[in-house]
C-alpha atoms as a PDB file:
ATOM      1  CA  MET A   1       0.000   0.000   0.000  1.00  0.00           C
ATOM      2  CA  ARG A   2       1.484   3.337  -1.070  1.00  0.00           C
ATOM      3  CA  ASN A   3       1.902   6.243   1.323  1.00  0.00           C
ATOM      4  CA  THR A   4      -0.574   9.117   1.360  1.00  0.00           C
ATOM      5  CA  THR A   5       0.659  12.209  -0.473  1.00  0.00           C
ATOM      6  CA  ILE A   6      -0.196  15.902  -0.443  1.00  0.00           C
ATOM      7  CA  VAL A   7      -1.992  15.361  -3.759  1.00  0.00           C
ATOM      8  CA  ASP A   8      -4.308  12.767  -2.135  1.00  0.00           C
ATOM      9  CA  ILE A   9      -5.264  15.227   0.589  1.00  0.00           C
ATOM     10  CA  ALA A  10      -5.795  17.999  -1.957  1.00  0.00           C
ATOM     11  CA  LYS A  11      -8.138  15.856  -4.071  1.00  0.00           C
ATOM     12  CA  LYS A  12     -10.296  14.878  -1.105  1.00  0.00           C
ATOM     13  CA  LEU A  13     -10.612  18.471   0.083  1.00  0.00           C
ATOM     14  CA  LYS A  14     -10.896  19.832  -3.482  1.00  0.00           C
ATOM     15  CA  ILE A  15      -8.103  22.323  -2.984  1.00  0.00           C
ATOM     16  CA  SER A  16      -4.667  22.685  -4.580  1.00  0.00           C
ATOM     17  CA  ALA A  17      -1.646  20.699  -3.467  1.00  0.00           C
ATOM     18  CA  SER A  18       0.221  23.943  -2.821  1.00  0.00           C
ATOM     19  CA  THR A  19      -2.545  25.008  -0.420  1.00  0.00           C
ATOM     20  CA  VAL A  20      -2.202  21.715   1.444  1.00  0.00           C
ATOM     21  CA  SER A  21       1.554  22.145   1.650  1.00  0.00           C
ATOM     22  CA  ARG A  22       1.272  25.673   2.998  1.00  0.00           C
ATOM     23  CA  ALA A  23      -1.419  24.626   5.469  1.00  0.00           C
ATOM     24  CA  LEU A  24       0.771  21.842   6.850  1.00  0.00           C
ATOM     25  CA  ASN A  25       3.618  24.338   7.197  1.00  0.00           C
ATOM     26  CA  GLU A  26       1.445  26.868   9.097  1.00  0.00           C
ATOM     27  CA  HIS A  27       1.613  29.483   6.345  1.00  0.00           C
ATOM     28  CA  PRO A  28      -0.158  32.667   7.564  1.00  0.00           C
ATOM     29  CA  ASP A  29      -1.906  33.197   4.187  1.00  0.00           C
ATOM     30  CA  ILE A  30      -3.972  30.028   4.710  1.00  0.00           C
ATOM     31  CA  LYS A  31      -7.168  30.428   6.710  1.00  0.00           C
ATOM     32  CA  GLU A  32      -7.225  28.733  10.087  1.00  0.00           C
ATOM     33  CA  GLU A  33     -10.333  26.710   9.100  1.00  0.00           C
ATOM     34  CA  THR A  34      -8.507  25.340   6.038  1.00  0.00           C
ATOM     35  CA  ARG A  35      -5.380  24.552   8.070  1.00  0.00           C
ATOM     36  CA  ASN A  36      -7.446  22.621  10.578  1.00  0.00           C
ATOM     37  CA  GLN A  37      -9.254  20.645   7.851  1.00  0.00           C
ATOM     38  CA  VAL A  38      -5.948  19.740   6.197  1.00  0.00           C
ATOM     39  CA  LYS A  39      -4.318  18.660   9.469  1.00  0.00           C
ATOM     40  CA  LYS A  40      -7.347  16.606  10.504  1.00  0.00           C
ATOM     41  CA  LEU A  41      -7.458  14.727   7.193  1.00  0.00           C
ATOM     42  CA  ALA A  42      -3.680  14.296   7.136  1.00  0.00           C
ATOM     43  CA  LYS A  43      -3.860  12.662  10.550  1.00  0.00           C
ATOM     44  CA  LYS A  44      -6.754  10.430   9.507  1.00  0.00           C
ATOM     45  CA  LEU A  45      -4.882   9.248   6.400  1.00  0.00           C
ATOM     46  CA  ASN A  46      -1.616   8.730   8.348  1.00  0.00           C
ATOM     47  CA  TYR A  47       0.175  11.232   6.152  1.00  0.00           C
ATOM     48  CA  SER A  48       3.866  11.842   6.881  1.00  0.00           C
ATOM     49  CA  PRO A  49       6.100  14.193   4.872  1.00  0.00           C
ATOM     50  CA  ASN A  50       8.606  12.692   2.448  1.00  0.00           C
ATOM     51  CA  PRO A  51      12.055  13.854   3.659  1.00  0.00           C
ATOM     52  CA  ILE A  52      13.689  13.165   0.298  1.00  0.00           C
ATOM     53  CA  ALA A  53      11.148  15.219  -1.615  1.00  0.00           C
ATOM     54  CA  ARG A  54      11.407  17.967   0.944  1.00  0.00           C
ATOM     55  CA  SER A  55      15.205  17.991   0.743  1.00  0.00           C
ATOM     56  CA  LEU A  56      15.095  18.194  -3.056  1.00  0.00           C
ATOM     57  CA  LYS A  57      12.899  21.240  -2.810  1.00  0.00           C
ATOM     58  CA  SER A  58      14.735  23.040  -0.006  1.00  0.00           C
ATOM     59  CA  ASN A  59      18.216  21.702  -0.820  1.00  0.00           C
ATOM     60  CA  LYS A  60      18.551  20.927   2.904  1.00  0.00           C
ATOM     61  CA  THR A  61      18.018  17.960   5.203  1.00  0.00           C
ATOM     62  CA  ASN A  62      18.180  17.485   8.930  1.00  0.00           C
ATOM     63  CA  VAL A  63      20.507  14.486   8.571  1.00  0.00           C
ATOM     64  CA  ILE A  64      24.161  14.596   9.651  1.00  0.00           C
ATOM     65  CA  GLY A  65      26.519  12.044   8.122  1.00  0.00           C
ATOM     66  CA  VAL A  66      29.142  10.400  10.337  1.00  0.00           C
ATOM     67  CA  ILE A  67      32.122   8.364   9.114  1.00  0.00           C
ATOM     68  CA  VAL A  68      34.327   6.506  11.589  1.00  0.00           C
ATOM     69  CA  PRO A  69      36.925   3.747  11.153  1.00  0.00           C
ATOM     70  CA  GLU A  70      35.161   1.228  13.414  1.00  0.00           C
ATOM     71  CA  ILE A  71      31.857   1.374  15.251  1.00  0.00           C
ATOM     72  CA  GLU A  72      32.822  -1.477  17.610  1.00  0.00           C
ATOM     73  CA  HIS A  73      35.833   0.466  18.934  1.00  0.00           C
ATOM     74  CA  ASP A  74      34.892   1.905  22.368  1.00  0.00           C
ATOM     75  CA  PHE A  75      36.357   5.282  21.498  1.00  0.00           C
ATOM     76  CA  PHE A  76      34.241   5.692  18.368  1.00  0.00           C
ATOM     77  CA  SER A  77      31.043   4.245  19.816  1.00  0.00           C
ATOM     78  CA  SER A  78      31.332   6.739  22.679  1.00  0.00           C
ATOM     79  CA  ALA A  79      32.018   9.595  20.238  1.00  0.00           C
ATOM     80  CA  ILE A  80      28.940   8.583  18.213  1.00  0.00           C
ATOM     81  CA  SER A  81      26.865   8.755  21.403  1.00  0.00           C
ATOM     82  CA  GLY A  82      28.095  12.308  21.941  1.00  0.00           C
ATOM     83  CA  ILE A  83      27.276  13.194  18.336  1.00  0.00           C
ATOM     84  CA  GLU A  84      23.767  11.763  18.608  1.00  0.00           C
ATOM     85  CA  GLU A  85      23.150  13.529  21.933  1.00  0.00           C
ATOM     86  CA  VAL A  86      23.719  16.989  20.467  1.00  0.00           C
ATOM     87  CA  ALA A  87      22.100  16.165  17.112  1.00  0.00           C
ATOM     88  CA  TYR A  88      18.894  14.886  18.732  1.00  0.00           C
ATOM     89  CA  HIS A  89      18.432  17.943  20.937  1.00  0.00           C
ATOM     90  CA  SER A  90      19.067  20.195  17.927  1.00  0.00           C
ATOM     91  CA  GLY A  91      16.463  18.507  15.712  1.00  0.00           C
ATOM     92  CA  TYR A  92      18.884  16.450  13.610  1.00  0.00           C
ATOM     93  CA  THR A  93      19.313  12.739  13.042  1.00  0.00           C
ATOM     94  CA  ILE A  94      22.582  10.983  12.219  1.00  0.00           C
ATOM     95  CA  LEU A  95      23.532   8.472   9.536  1.00  0.00           C
ATOM     96  CA  VAL A  96      26.621   6.473  10.533  1.00  0.00           C
ATOM     97  CA  CYS A  97      29.054   4.707   8.185  1.00  0.00           C
ATOM     98  CA  GLN A  98      32.273   2.865   9.013  1.00  0.00           C
ATOM     99  CA  SER A  99      35.312   2.734   6.777  1.00  0.00           C
ATOM    100  CA  ASN A 100      36.767  -0.419   8.370  1.00  0.00           C
ATOM    101  CA  GLU A 101      40.142   1.344   8.125  1.00  0.00           C
ATOM    102  CA  SER A 102      39.834   1.320   4.316  1.00  0.00           C
ATOM    103  CA  TYR A 103      40.487   4.455   2.250  1.00  0.00           C
ATOM    104  CA  GLU A 104      38.453   3.037  -0.657  1.00  0.00           C
ATOM    105  CA  ARG A 105      35.470   2.349   1.576  1.00  0.00           C
ATOM    106  CA  GLU A 106      35.786   5.815   3.103  1.00  0.00           C
ATOM    107  CA  VAL A 107      35.540   7.323  -0.387  1.00  0.00           C
ATOM    108  CA  VAL A 108      32.432   5.238  -1.134  1.00  0.00           C
ATOM    109  CA  ASN A 109      30.846   6.301   2.178  1.00  0.00           C
ATOM    110  CA  THR A 110      31.604   9.963   1.509  1.00  0.00           C
ATOM    111  CA  ASN A 111      30.034   9.856  -1.952  1.00  0.00           C
ATOM    112  CA  ALA A 112      26.998   7.959  -0.674  1.00  0.00           C
ATOM    113  CA  LEU A 113      26.375  10.506   2.093  1.00  0.00           C
ATOM    114  CA  MET A 114      26.829  13.360  -0.377  1.00  0.00           C
ATOM    115  CA  HIS A 115      24.137  11.862  -2.616  1.00  0.00           C
ATOM    116  CA  GLN A 116      21.914  11.398   0.444  1.00  0.00           C
ATOM    117  CA  ARG A 117      22.066  15.198   0.675  1.00  0.00           C
ATOM    118  CA  VAL A 118      23.306  15.264   4.258  1.00  0.00           C
ATOM    119  CA  ALA A 119      23.372  18.665   5.921  1.00  0.00           C
ATOM    120  CA  GLY A 120      26.964  18.149   7.023  1.00  0.00           C
ATOM    121  CA  LEU A 121      29.595  15.546   7.789  1.00  0.00           C
ATOM    122  CA  ILE A 122      31.572  14.530  10.891  1.00  0.00           C
ATOM    123  CA  VAL A 123      34.613  12.390  10.099  1.00  0.00           C
ATOM    124  CA  SER A 124      37.470  10.491  11.686  1.00  0.00           C
ATOM    125  CA  ILE A 125      39.610   9.207   8.828  1.00  0.00           C
ATOM    126  CA  SER A 126      40.847   5.662   8.230  1.00  0.00           C
ATOM    127  CA  GLN A 127      44.421   4.624   8.943  1.00  0.00           C
ATOM    128  CA  SER A 128      45.044   4.219   5.206  1.00  0.00           C
ATOM    129  CA  THR A 129      43.788   7.673   4.157  1.00  0.00           C
ATOM    130  CA  LYS A 130      46.653   9.655   2.642  1.00  0.00           C
ATOM    131  CA  ASN A 131      44.739  12.648   1.232  1.00  0.00           C
ATOM    132  CA  GLY A 132      41.360  14.324   1.465  1.00  0.00           C
ATOM    133  CA  ASN A 133      40.472  14.727  -2.197  1.00  0.00           C
ATOM    134  CA  HIS A 134      37.158  12.924  -1.697  1.00  0.00           C
ATOM    135  CA  PHE A 135      36.128  15.496   0.906  1.00  0.00           C
ATOM    136  CA  LYS A 136      36.844  18.464  -1.364  1.00  0.00           C
ATOM    137  CA  GLU A 137      33.805  17.694  -3.524  1.00  0.00           C
ATOM    138  CA  LEU A 138      31.543  18.101  -0.475  1.00  0.00           C
ATOM    139  CA  ILE A 139      33.179  21.383   0.458  1.00  0.00           C
ATOM    140  CA  ASN A 140      32.781  22.587  -3.134  1.00  0.00           C
ATOM    141  CA  ARG A 141      29.071  21.793  -2.852  1.00  0.00           C
ATOM    142  CA  GLY A 142      28.785  23.816   0.346  1.00  0.00           C
ATOM    143  CA  ILE A 143      28.466  20.794   2.650  1.00  0.00           C
ATOM    144  CA  PRO A 144      30.344  21.580   5.891  1.00  0.00           C
ATOM    145  CA  ILE A 145      32.746  19.050   7.430  1.00  0.00           C
ATOM    146  CA  VAL A 146      34.188  18.706  10.922  1.00  0.00           C
ATOM    147  CA  PHE A 147      37.010  16.237  11.625  1.00  0.00           C
ATOM    148  CA  PHE A 148      37.666  14.726  15.038  1.00  0.00           C
ATOM    149  CA  ASP A 149      40.541  12.687  16.509  1.00  0.00           C
ATOM    150  CA  ARG A 150      42.000  11.512  13.174  1.00  0.00           C
ATOM    151  CA  VAL A 151      41.991  14.614  11.024  1.00  0.00           C
ATOM    152  CA  CYS A 152      42.749  15.288   7.370  1.00  0.00           C
ATOM    153  CA  ASN A 153      45.625  17.760   7.340  1.00  0.00           C
ATOM    154  CA  ASP A 154      45.345  18.751   3.680  1.00  0.00           C
ATOM    155  CA  ILE A 155      41.749  19.932   4.128  1.00  0.00           C
ATOM    156  CA  SER A 156      40.924  23.335   5.580  1.00  0.00           C
ATOM    157  CA  ALA A 157      38.204  22.402   8.055  1.00  0.00           C
ATOM    158  CA  ASN A 158      37.224  22.637  11.696  1.00  0.00           C
ATOM    159  CA  LYS A 159      38.819  19.958  13.870  1.00  0.00           C
ATOM    160  CA  VAL A 160      38.355  18.570  17.374  1.00  0.00           C
ATOM    161  CA  VAL A 161      41.388  16.803  18.827  1.00  0.00           C
ATOM    162  CA  ILE A 162      43.476  16.241  21.936  1.00  0.00           C
ATOM    163  CA  ASP A 163      47.178  17.032  22.291  1.00  0.00           C
ATOM    164  CA  ASP A 164      48.405  13.555  21.321  1.00  0.00           C
ATOM    165  CA  ALA A 165      52.091  14.427  21.635  1.00  0.00           C
ATOM    166  CA  LYS A 166      51.718  15.861  25.136  1.00  0.00           C
ATOM    167  CA  SER A 167      49.503  12.962  26.256  1.00  0.00           C
ATOM    168  CA  ALA A 168      52.103  10.455  25.040  1.00  0.00           C
ATOM    169  CA  PHE A 169      54.874  12.484  26.681  1.00  0.00           C
ATOM    170  CA  ASP A 170      53.011  12.369  29.999  1.00  0.00           C
ATOM    171  CA  ALA A 171      52.420   8.609  29.709  1.00  0.00           C
ATOM    172  CA  VAL A 172      56.081   7.810  29.014  1.00  0.00           C
ATOM    173  CA  THR A 173      57.260  10.260  31.672  1.00  0.00           C
ATOM    174  CA  HIS A 174      55.057   8.386  34.143  1.00  0.00           C
ATOM    175  CA  LEU A 175      56.887   5.152  33.256  1.00  0.00           C
ATOM    176  CA  ILE A 176      60.273   6.864  33.638  1.00  0.00           C
ATOM    177  CA  GLU A 177      59.259   8.198  37.053  1.00  0.00           C
ATOM    178  CA  ARG A 178      58.495   4.606  38.021  1.00  0.00           C
ATOM    179  CA  GLY A 179      62.113   3.754  37.346  1.00  0.00           C
ATOM    180  CA  ARG A 180      61.661   2.258  33.848  1.00  0.00           C
ATOM    181  CA  LYS A 181      64.548   2.853  31.458  1.00  0.00           C
ATOM    182  CA  LYS A 182      64.062   0.373  28.616  1.00  0.00           C
ATOM    183  CA  ILE A 183      60.705   1.524  27.262  1.00  0.00           C
ATOM    184  CA  ALA A 184      59.364   0.045  24.045  1.00  0.00           C
ATOM    185  CA  HIS A 185      56.826   1.834  21.881  1.00  0.00           C
ATOM    186  CA  LEU A 186      54.316  -0.232  19.930  1.00  0.00           C
ATOM    187  CA  ALA A 187      53.523   2.378  17.294  1.00  0.00           C
ATOM    188  CA  GLY A 188      50.742   2.617  14.738  1.00  0.00           C
ATOM    189  CA  PRO A 189      50.893   3.316  10.986  1.00  0.00           C
ATOM    190  CA  LYS A 190      53.679   5.779  10.137  1.00  0.00           C
ATOM    191  CA  ASP A 191      51.440   7.975   7.970  1.00  0.00           C
ATOM    192  CA  LEU A 192      48.594   8.417  10.470  1.00  0.00           C
ATOM    193  CA  LYS A 193      48.999  11.782  12.199  1.00  0.00           C
ATOM    194  CA  ILE A 194      47.864  10.728  15.673  1.00  0.00           C
ATOM    195  CA  CYS A 195      50.415   7.888  15.598  1.00  0.00           C
ATOM    196  CA  GLU A 196      53.125  10.269  14.453  1.00  0.00           C
ATOM    197  CA  LEU A 197      52.314  12.634  17.326  1.00  0.00           C
ATOM    198  CA  ARG A 198      52.264   9.861  19.932  1.00  0.00           C
ATOM    199  CA  LEU A 199      55.646   8.659  18.673  1.00  0.00           C
ATOM    200  CA  LYS A 200      56.903  12.226  18.965  1.00  0.00           C
ATOM    201  CA  GLY A 201      55.727  12.396  22.589  1.00  0.00           C
ATOM    202  CA  TYR A 202      57.497   9.105  23.332  1.00  0.00           C
ATOM    203  CA  LYS A 203      60.751  10.384  21.846  1.00  0.00           C
ATOM    204  CA  ASN A 204      60.498  13.733  23.650  1.00  0.00           C
ATOM    205  CA  ALA A 205      60.016  12.033  27.029  1.00  0.00           C
ATOM    206  CA  LEU A 206      63.103   9.838  26.517  1.00  0.00           C
ATOM    207  CA  LYS A 207      65.127  12.839  25.400  1.00  0.00           C
ATOM    208  CA  LYS A 208      64.142  14.928  28.409  1.00  0.00           C
ATOM    209  CA  ALA A 209      65.133  12.068  30.741  1.00  0.00           C
ATOM    210  CA  ASN A 210      68.458  11.592  28.901  1.00  0.00           C
ATOM    211  CA  LEU A 211      67.518   8.019  28.007  1.00  0.00           C
ATOM    212  CA  PRO A 212      68.781   6.517  24.738  1.00  0.00           C
ATOM    213  CA  LEU A 213      66.392   6.288  21.797  1.00  0.00           C
ATOM    214  CA  LEU A 214      66.830   2.789  20.381  1.00  0.00           C
ATOM    215  CA  ASN A 215      65.120   1.908  17.107  1.00  0.00           C
ATOM    216  CA  LYS A 216      64.896  -1.735  18.160  1.00  0.00           C
ATOM    217  CA  PHE A 217      62.402  -0.681  20.844  1.00  0.00           C
ATOM    218  CA  ILE A 218      60.036   0.930  18.311  1.00  0.00           C
ATOM    219  CA  ARG A 219      57.724  -1.466  16.448  1.00  0.00           C
ATOM    220  CA  TYR A 220      55.247  -0.271  13.823  1.00  0.00           C
ATOM    221  CA  GLY A 221      51.946  -1.970  13.105  1.00  0.00           C
ATOM    222  CA  ASP A 222      48.242  -1.364  12.735  1.00  0.00           C
ATOM    223  CA  LEU A 223      45.825  -0.520  15.517  1.00  0.00           C
ATOM    224  CA  HIS A 224      44.284  -3.833  16.608  1.00  0.00           C
ATOM    225  CA  GLU A 225      44.934  -6.393  19.330  1.00  0.00           C
ATOM    226  CA  ASP A 226      46.675  -8.854  17.030  1.00  0.00           C
ATOM    227  CA  ASN A 227      49.124  -6.097  16.014  1.00  0.00           C
ATOM    228  CA  GLY A 228      50.091  -5.546  19.650  1.00  0.00           C
ATOM    229  CA  TYR A 229      50.438  -9.285  20.172  1.00  0.00           C
ATOM    230  CA  GLU A 230      52.642  -9.687  17.085  1.00  0.00           C
ATOM    231  CA  SER A 231      54.870  -6.722  17.949  1.00  0.00           C
ATOM    232  CA  MET A 232      55.393  -7.958  21.499  1.00  0.00           C
ATOM    233  CA  ASP A 233      56.009 -11.471  20.218  1.00  0.00           C
ATOM    234  CA  ALA A 234      58.691 -10.180  17.837  1.00  0.00           C
ATOM    235  CA  LEU A 235      60.486  -8.352  20.673  1.00  0.00           C
ATOM    236  CA  LEU A 236      60.505 -11.444  22.866  1.00  0.00           C
ATOM    237  CA  LYS A 237      61.702 -13.724  20.064  1.00  0.00           C
ATOM    238  CA  GLU A 238      64.562 -11.326  19.383  1.00  0.00           C
ATOM    239  CA  ASP A 239      65.385 -11.458  23.111  1.00  0.00           C
ATOM    240  CA  ILE A 240      64.694  -7.732  23.405  1.00  0.00           C
ATOM    241  CA  ILE A 241      63.019  -7.504  26.799  1.00  0.00           C
ATOM    242  CA  PRO A 242      61.828  -3.994  27.699  1.00  0.00           C
ATOM    243  CA  ASP A 243      60.949  -3.098  31.261  1.00  0.00           C
ATOM    244  CA  ALA A 244      57.967  -1.061  30.030  1.00  0.00           C
ATOM    245  CA  VAL A 245      55.720  -0.704  26.990  1.00  0.00           C
ATOM    246  CA  PHE A 246      53.860   2.354  25.742  1.00  0.00           C
ATOM    247  CA  ALA A 247      51.239   1.318  23.181  1.00  0.00           C
ATOM    248  CA  VAL A 248      49.703   3.608  20.571  1.00  0.00           C
ATOM    249  CA  ASN A 249      46.189   2.627  21.693  1.00  0.00           C
ATOM    250  CA  ASP A 250      44.382   0.278  24.067  1.00  0.00           C
ATOM    251  CA  PRO A 251      43.718  -2.599  21.624  1.00  0.00           C
ATOM    252  CA  VAL A 252      47.446  -2.751  20.823  1.00  0.00           C
ATOM    253  CA  ALA A 253      48.212  -2.606  24.549  1.00  0.00           C
ATOM    254  CA  ILE A 254      45.794  -5.476  25.257  1.00  0.00           C
ATOM    255  CA  GLY A 255      47.429  -7.594  22.560  1.00  0.00           C
ATOM    256  CA  ALA A 256      50.860  -6.958  24.066  1.00  0.00           C
ATOM    257  CA  PHE A 257      49.405  -7.601  27.528  1.00  0.00           C
ATOM    258  CA  GLN A 258      48.282 -11.065  26.431  1.00  0.00           C
ATOM    259  CA  ARG A 259      51.666 -11.977  24.940  1.00  0.00           C
ATOM    260  CA  ILE A 260      53.548 -10.793  28.033  1.00  0.00           C
ATOM    261  CA  LYS A 261      51.376 -13.013  30.225  1.00  0.00           C
ATOM    262  CA  GLU A 262      51.810 -15.983  27.898  1.00  0.00           C
ATOM    263  CA  ALA A 263      55.582 -15.565  28.217  1.00  0.00           C
ATOM    264  CA  GLY A 264      55.296 -16.012  31.980  1.00  0.00           C
ATOM    265  CA  LEU A 265      56.337 -12.437  32.683  1.00  0.00           C
ATOM    266  CA  LYS A 266      54.595 -10.408  35.365  1.00  0.00           C
ATOM    267  CA  ILE A 267      52.856  -7.065  34.895  1.00  0.00           C
ATOM    268  CA  PRO A 268      54.047  -4.623  36.198  1.00  0.00           C
ATOM    269  CA  GLU A 269      56.938  -6.314  38.039  1.00  0.00           C
ATOM    270  CA  ASP A 270      58.754  -7.418  34.885  1.00  0.00           C
ATOM    271  CA  ILE A 271      57.117  -5.204  32.281  1.00  0.00           C
ATOM    272  CA  ALA A 272      54.897  -2.203  32.969  1.00  0.00           C
ATOM    273  CA  ILE A 273      52.442  -1.228  30.257  1.00  0.00           C
ATOM    274  CA  VAL A 274      50.460   1.877  29.285  1.00  0.00           C
ATOM    275  CA  GLY A 275      47.708   2.156  26.680  1.00  0.00           C
ATOM    276  CA  PHE A 276      45.869   5.056  25.098  1.00  0.00           C
ATOM    277  CA  SER A 277      42.108   5.835  24.860  1.00  0.00           C
ATOM    278  CA  ASN A 278      40.628   4.352  28.077  1.00  0.00           C
ATOM    279  CA  ASN A 279      38.524   1.619  26.467  1.00  0.00           C
ATOM    280  CA  LYS A 280      36.169  -0.142  28.887  1.00  0.00           C
ATOM    281  CA  ILE A 281      38.228  -3.348  28.897  1.00  0.00           C
ATOM    282  CA  THR A 282      41.240  -1.533  30.367  1.00  0.00           C
ATOM    283  CA  ALA A 283      39.582  -1.443  33.791  1.00  0.00           C
ATOM    284  CA  LEU A 284      38.637  -5.139  33.622  1.00  0.00           C
ATOM    285  CA  VAL A 285      41.951  -6.863  32.830  1.00  0.00           C
ATOM    286  CA  ASP A 286      44.215  -8.045  35.652  1.00  0.00           C
ATOM    287  CA  PRO A 287      46.003  -5.899  36.561  1.00  0.00           C
ATOM    288  CA  PRO A 288      43.924  -2.986  35.257  1.00  0.00           C
ATOM    289  CA  LEU A 289      45.648  -1.053  32.481  1.00  0.00           C
ATOM    290  CA  THR A 290      47.097   2.409  32.933  1.00  0.00           C
ATOM    291  CA  THR A 291      45.922   4.483  29.974  1.00  0.00           C
ATOM    292  CA  VAL A 292      45.336   7.951  28.597  1.00  0.00           C
ATOM    293  CA  ASN A 293      41.685   8.936  28.870  1.00  0.00           C
ATOM    294  CA  GLN A 294      40.498  10.559  25.640  1.00  0.00           C
ATOM    295  CA  PRO A 295      37.239  12.489  26.179  1.00  0.00           C
ATOM    296  CA  SER A 296      35.551  10.689  23.273  1.00  0.00           C
ATOM    297  CA  PHE A 297      31.959  11.572  24.224  1.00  0.00           C
ATOM    298  CA  ASP A 298      32.888  15.238  24.587  1.00  0.00           C
ATOM    299  CA  MET A 299      34.801  15.172  21.297  1.00  0.00           C
ATOM    300  CA  GLY A 300      31.665  13.915  19.560  1.00  0.00           C
ATOM    301  CA  LYS A 301      29.538  16.572  21.235  1.00  0.00           C
ATOM    302  CA  LYS A 302      31.912  19.416  20.410  1.00  0.00           C
ATOM    303  CA  ALA A 303      32.286  18.333  16.770  1.00  0.00           C
ATOM    304  CA  THR A 304      28.499  18.285  16.401  1.00  0.00           C
ATOM    305  CA  GLU A 305      28.034  21.676  18.050  1.00  0.00           C
ATOM    306  CA  ILE A 306      30.543  23.179  15.624  1.00  0.00           C
ATOM    307  CA  LEU A 307      28.930  21.464  12.614  1.00  0.00           C
ATOM    308  CA  ILE A 308      25.387  22.580  13.480  1.00  0.00           C
ATOM    309  CA  GLU A 309      26.624  26.137  13.913  1.00  0.00           C
ATOM    310  CA  MET A 310      28.148  25.879  10.421  1.00  0.00           C
ATOM    311  CA  ILE A 311      24.900  24.471   8.983  1.00  0.00           C
ATOM    312  CA  GLU A 312      22.679  27.119  10.534  1.00  0.00           C
ATOM    313  CA  ASN A 313      24.996  30.112  10.331  1.00  0.00           C
ATOM    314  CA  GLU A 314      26.672  30.528   6.956  1.00  0.00           C
ATOM    315  CA  LYS A 315      29.021  33.183   8.331  1.00  0.00           C
ATOM    316  CA  SER A 316      30.667  30.571  10.564  1.00  0.00           C
ATOM    317  CA  ASN A 317      31.675  28.578   7.451  1.00  0.00           C
ATOM    318  CA  SER A 318      34.459  31.038   6.744  1.00  0.00           C
ATOM    319  CA  GLN A 319      36.029  30.510  10.167  1.00  0.00           C
ATOM    320  CA  ARG A 320      38.342  27.532  10.691  1.00  0.00           C
ATOM    321  CA  LYS A 321      39.521  26.433  14.115  1.00  0.00           C
ATOM    322  CA  THR A 322      41.102  23.487  15.862  1.00  0.00           C
ATOM    323  CA  VAL A 323      39.602  22.760  19.277  1.00  0.00           C
ATOM    324  CA  VAL A 324      41.971  20.905  21.616  1.00  0.00           C
ATOM    325  CA  LEU A 325      40.261  19.069  24.495  1.00  0.00           C
ATOM    326  CA  ASP A 326      42.043  17.931  27.642  1.00  0.00           C
ATOM    327  CA  ALA A 327      43.131  14.315  28.100  1.00  0.00           C
ATOM    328  CA  GLU A 328      44.384  12.778  31.344  1.00  0.00           C
ATOM    329  CA  LEU A 329      46.528   9.837  32.374  1.00  0.00           C
ATOM    330  CA  ILE A 330      44.626   7.265  34.437  1.00  0.00           C
ATOM    331  CA  VAL A 331      47.111   5.330  36.557  1.00  0.00           C
ATOM    332  CA  ARG A 332      46.173   1.728  37.333  1.00  0.00           C
ATOM    333  CA  GLY A 333      47.838  -1.519  38.322  1.00  0.00           C
ATOM    334  CA  SER A 334      49.772  -2.165  35.103  1.00  0.00           C
ATOM    335  CA  THR A 335      52.350   0.459  36.102  1.00  0.00           C
END
């Protein structure tokens, strides 16, 4: 059974479709009696407006597109909750896509959301994204974009981040203050900016403490548990035994955590370990994992507040800013 349209209502009331449309939108030129008749019949026929047709006419929707690398990741699921919180209270809905850490899939998602006529886009890029060419088409069409956490540096856009380098510096300094001198860093992809900044913080902390920077203690990989496990496994097989590990994120830290335990080594007595993000599992492992708490929910909220301001106030589109939120080290049993 097809949905009731404005034309159906117009035919039954023997008025024009444009009159029905204006009546439903409370146009002051339509008599109150007519407005009431239209609304009563619309309710009786279960009429609901077609958002696609409306968007084609107004060139606007109340839908915000969101692209994240992984929905199952605690950090991103929490950020999405923050996005939805602000969007809902501002009269918007969200449409979420995940890139699965694939640049190609990110491009497909971006094009799909553009053709869905989203009002704006909130993005955290994939680990394999090298440029933002696919986002430029949206900007050229006047669709505003806000990046959060993983940002696209070749795109002039508003961004919401933390100070990754300082947060990493603080985490490694904490290990040094605990007497650790052979600190390994399980790094992420070399081309991903947040990984680059966390590596920088690691190096800066060693330099300030006059500790040697040894390349053998730096292992690059991706951002999942198996990458942390494999990197830690490689260190142990090469008989390179650090007294501490700073991981680029919590999944990598958990993978390393597992391999350390399998090797019969004790945490933190033999090897202390620090993660990054404050995923829920970090408080549940034994011992609980020391980690950097990223304010993911607040990052999502702030990104959405900025985007809605851009959507509703065209003047704000000309202003570009990077908002840096505070992150804190949460010290637990693993150090």
